[in-house]
Amino acid sequence: MVAGAKYRDIVRELALDHYGYVSTKEAIEAGVPAVELPKLAARGGLENVAYGLYRVPEVPPTRYDQFAEALLRVGEGAYLHGESVLAFFGLADVNPRRIKVAVPRRARPKLPSFVELAQVRGGAPRTVYEGLAAQRVADALLECRGRVETERLVNATKEARAEGLLTTAEWQRVKKGLKK
């Protein structure tokens, strides 16, 4: 097997686990030299999305791709936040124009217009949904108070509970928090 074909296979396997995306850092950790990624892109095996971020075009798109891209563009420690968590699950009938990504530290990456960066201090609890780092649904519901109608948040809370996205304790905490 030619080295280029081997590298393409490794990159494709990585991308299958990340909604079609692969970072230069991940490729290097998997044994693919950084210089190989631009070569693969030049031959049509990859699309260069941003500095250090590529997409394998043959990986079928999903409804989570843009969320994954937003997180990967921001980098390490990034997670979905607020309305974007609700949009991820189709809760509260929110459809933000921008994906809100939080980071615990100051970051200034060059971002496209569909990504909104928020610096969130403190150790906000996070989790992983569908392989993507995110604020917990309960915290996202409470975070959206004042920006999303309370009635929509109440209905979203019921829906999230029915879908198993909230524990009993979280459900009670959010219900109480929305009554304030």
Protein backbone atom coordinates (compact mmCIF):
# COMPACT_ATOMS: atom_id res chain seq x y z
CA MET A 1 0.00 0.00 0.00
CA VAL A 2 1.24 3.48 -0.85
CA ALA A 3 1.90 5.75 2.15
CA GLY A 4 -0.55 8.39 0.81
CA ALA A 5 -3.35 5.82 0.65
CA LYS A 6 -2.53 4.65 4.17
CA TYR A 7 -2.62 8.21 5.47
CA ARG A 8 -5.91 8.85 3.67
CA ASP A 9 -7.40 5.79 5.39
CA ILE A 10 -6.22 6.96 8.82
CA VAL A 11 -7.60 10.46 8.25
CA ARG A 12 -10.92 9.02 7.03
CA GLU A 13 -11.23 6.84 10.15
CA LEU A 14 -10.57 9.85 12.39
CA ALA A 15 -13.13 11.90 10.47
CA LEU A 16 -15.81 9.23 10.79
CA ASP A 17 -15.66 9.69 14.56
CA HIS A 18 -15.85 13.51 14.34
CA TYR A 19 -18.66 14.31 11.89
CA GLY A 20 -16.29 14.31 8.94
CA TYR A 21 -13.72 16.64 10.48
CA VAL A 22 -10.11 16.04 11.41
CA SER A 23 -7.64 18.45 12.94
CA THR A 24 -3.96 18.55 12.18
CA LYS A 25 -3.28 17.77 15.85
CA GLU A 26 -5.45 14.62 15.76
CA ALA A 27 -3.84 13.48 12.52
CA ILE A 28 -0.34 13.91 13.94
CA GLU A 29 -1.33 11.97 17.09
CA ALA A 30 -2.56 9.16 14.82
CA GLY A 31 0.75 9.02 12.95
CA VAL A 32 -0.04 11.16 9.91
CA PRO A 33 2.65 13.81 9.28
CA ALA A 34 1.25 17.35 9.13
CA VAL A 35 2.69 17.85 5.62
CA GLU A 36 0.45 15.06 4.30
CA LEU A 37 -2.83 16.89 5.00
CA PRO A 38 -2.30 19.70 2.44
CA LYS A 39 -1.20 17.02 -0.06
CA LEU A 40 -4.41 15.07 0.52
CA ALA A 41 -6.40 18.30 0.18
CA ALA A 42 -4.66 19.12 -3.13
CA ARG A 43 -5.68 15.69 -4.46
CA GLY A 44 -9.32 16.19 -3.41
CA GLY A 45 -9.28 13.76 -0.49
CA LEU A 46 -9.82 16.56 2.04
CA GLU A 47 -11.30 20.04 2.15
CA ASN A 48 -9.38 22.67 4.09
CA VAL A 49 -12.02 24.28 6.34
CA ALA A 50 -9.79 26.47 8.50
CA TYR A 51 -6.20 26.60 9.66
CA GLY A 52 -5.47 23.13 11.05
CA LEU A 53 -8.98 21.81 10.31
CA TYR A 54 -10.04 19.60 7.43
CA ARG A 55 -13.21 17.83 6.32
CA VAL A 56 -13.40 14.50 4.50
CA PRO A 57 -16.02 15.12 1.77
CA GLU A 58 -17.07 11.48 1.50
CA VAL A 59 -18.33 11.37 5.11
CA PRO A 60 -22.12 11.81 4.94
CA PRO A 61 -23.39 15.05 6.50
CA THR A 62 -25.49 15.02 9.67
CA ARG A 63 -27.53 17.64 11.50
CA TYR A 64 -24.68 17.97 14.02
CA ASP A 65 -21.90 18.90 11.55
CA GLN A 66 -22.07 22.66 12.05
CA PHE A 67 -22.01 22.24 15.85
CA ALA A 68 -18.92 20.02 15.52
CA GLU A 69 -17.23 22.49 13.18
CA ALA A 70 -17.91 25.39 15.55
CA LEU A 71 -16.34 23.52 18.48
CA LEU A 72 -13.32 22.41 16.45
CA ARG A 73 -12.73 25.93 15.12
CA VAL A 74 -12.67 27.36 18.65
CA GLY A 75 -10.42 24.61 19.95
CA GLU A 76 -9.59 22.87 23.19
CA GLY A 77 -11.96 23.43 26.10
CA ALA A 78 -14.79 24.72 23.89
CA TYR A 79 -18.35 23.59 24.50
CA LEU A 80 -21.86 24.36 23.23
CA HIS A 81 -23.64 26.93 25.38
CA GLY A 82 -27.10 28.39 26.05
CA GLU A 83 -29.48 28.54 23.09
CA SER A 84 -27.16 26.37 21.03
CA VAL A 85 -27.65 23.46 23.43
CA LEU A 86 -31.42 23.89 23.11
CA ALA A 87 -31.14 24.11 19.31
CA PHE A 88 -28.98 20.96 19.32
CA PHE A 89 -31.95 19.03 20.76
CA GLY A 90 -34.71 21.02 19.04
CA LEU A 91 -35.96 22.41 22.37
CA ALA A 92 -37.81 25.69 23.07
CA ASP A 93 -38.28 26.30 19.35
CA VAL A 94 -35.01 28.24 19.20
CA ASN A 95 -33.13 28.64 15.97
CA PRO A 96 -30.18 30.90 16.68
CA ARG A 97 -28.37 32.39 13.69
CA ARG A 98 -25.10 31.72 15.43
CA ILE A 99 -23.80 28.74 17.35
CA LYS A 100 -22.81 29.90 20.82
CA VAL A 101 -19.57 28.31 21.95
CA ALA A 102 -18.20 28.88 25.44
CA VAL A 103 -14.59 28.71 26.53
CA PRO A 104 -13.19 28.84 30.07
CA ARG A 105 -10.28 31.02 29.01
CA ARG A 106 -9.71 33.95 26.72
CA ALA A 107 -9.57 32.91 23.08
CA ARG A 108 -9.36 34.89 19.90
CA PRO A 109 -9.49 32.48 17.00
CA LYS A 110 -10.63 33.74 13.60
CA LEU A 111 -14.21 32.55 13.43
CA PRO A 112 -16.85 32.57 10.71
CA SER A 113 -20.04 34.58 11.24
CA PHE A 114 -22.02 31.51 12.32
CA VAL A 115 -19.97 31.10 15.52
CA GLU A 116 -20.40 33.30 18.61
CA LEU A 117 -17.75 33.03 21.29
CA ALA A 118 -18.54 33.47 24.99
CA GLN A 119 -15.99 33.41 27.77
CA VAL A 120 -17.52 31.66 30.79
CA ARG A 121 -15.64 31.87 34.05
CA GLY A 122 -15.68 29.20 36.67
CA GLY A 123 -16.09 25.48 36.47
CA ALA A 124 -19.49 25.25 34.81
CA PRO A 125 -20.50 21.60 34.63
CA ARG A 126 -20.24 20.20 31.13
CA THR A 127 -21.14 16.96 29.49
CA VAL A 128 -20.94 15.29 26.09
CA TYR A 129 -23.92 14.82 23.79
CA GLU A 130 -23.47 12.85 20.56
CA GLY A 131 -19.71 13.17 21.00
CA LEU A 132 -19.76 16.97 21.35
CA ALA A 133 -18.91 18.92 24.52
CA ALA A 134 -21.84 20.95 25.80
CA GLN A 135 -23.34 22.73 28.75
CA ARG A 136 -25.85 20.46 30.49
CA VAL A 137 -29.41 20.84 29.22
CA ALA A 138 -30.64 21.89 32.69
CA ASP A 139 -28.07 24.69 32.88
CA ALA A 140 -28.77 25.77 29.30
CA LEU A 141 -32.48 26.07 30.05
CA LEU A 142 -31.76 28.29 33.04
CA GLU A 143 -29.11 30.24 31.10
CA CYS A 144 -31.73 31.23 28.51
CA ARG A 145 -34.02 32.95 31.02
CA GLY A 146 -34.71 36.46 29.82
CA ARG A 147 -33.68 35.64 26.24
CA VAL A 148 -36.27 32.96 25.50
CA GLU A 149 -39.91 33.23 26.55
CA THR A 150 -40.55 31.53 29.89
CA GLU A 151 -43.48 29.53 28.51
CA ARG A 152 -41.24 28.08 25.79
CA LEU A 153 -38.62 27.19 28.39
CA VAL A 154 -41.24 25.51 30.58
CA ASN A 155 -42.44 23.46 27.61
CA ALA A 156 -38.85 22.66 26.66
CA THR A 157 -38.23 21.48 30.23
CA LYS A 158 -41.15 19.06 29.98
CA GLU A 159 -39.95 17.82 26.61
CA ALA A 160 -36.36 17.42 27.83
CA ARG A 161 -37.58 15.43 30.84
CA ALA A 162 -39.71 13.19 28.61
CA GLU A 163 -36.71 12.56 26.36
CA GLY A 164 -34.48 11.64 29.30
CA LEU A 165 -32.29 14.73 29.02
CA LEU A 166 -32.98 15.81 32.63
CA THR A 167 -32.67 13.82 35.82
CA THR A 168 -35.44 14.22 38.38
CA ALA A 169 -33.26 16.55 40.47
CA GLU A 170 -32.38 18.67 37.40
CA TRP A 171 -36.01 18.79 36.30
CA GLN A 172 -37.10 20.05 39.72
CA ARG A 173 -34.25 22.59 39.84
CA VAL A 174 -35.14 23.97 36.40
CA LYS A 175 -38.87 24.13 37.19
CA LYS A 176 -38.09 26.07 40.37
CA GLY A 177 -35.61 28.32 38.55
CA LEU A 178 -38.11 29.19 35.83
CA LYS A 179 -40.74 30.30 38.39
CA LYS A 180 -38.51 33.10 39.67
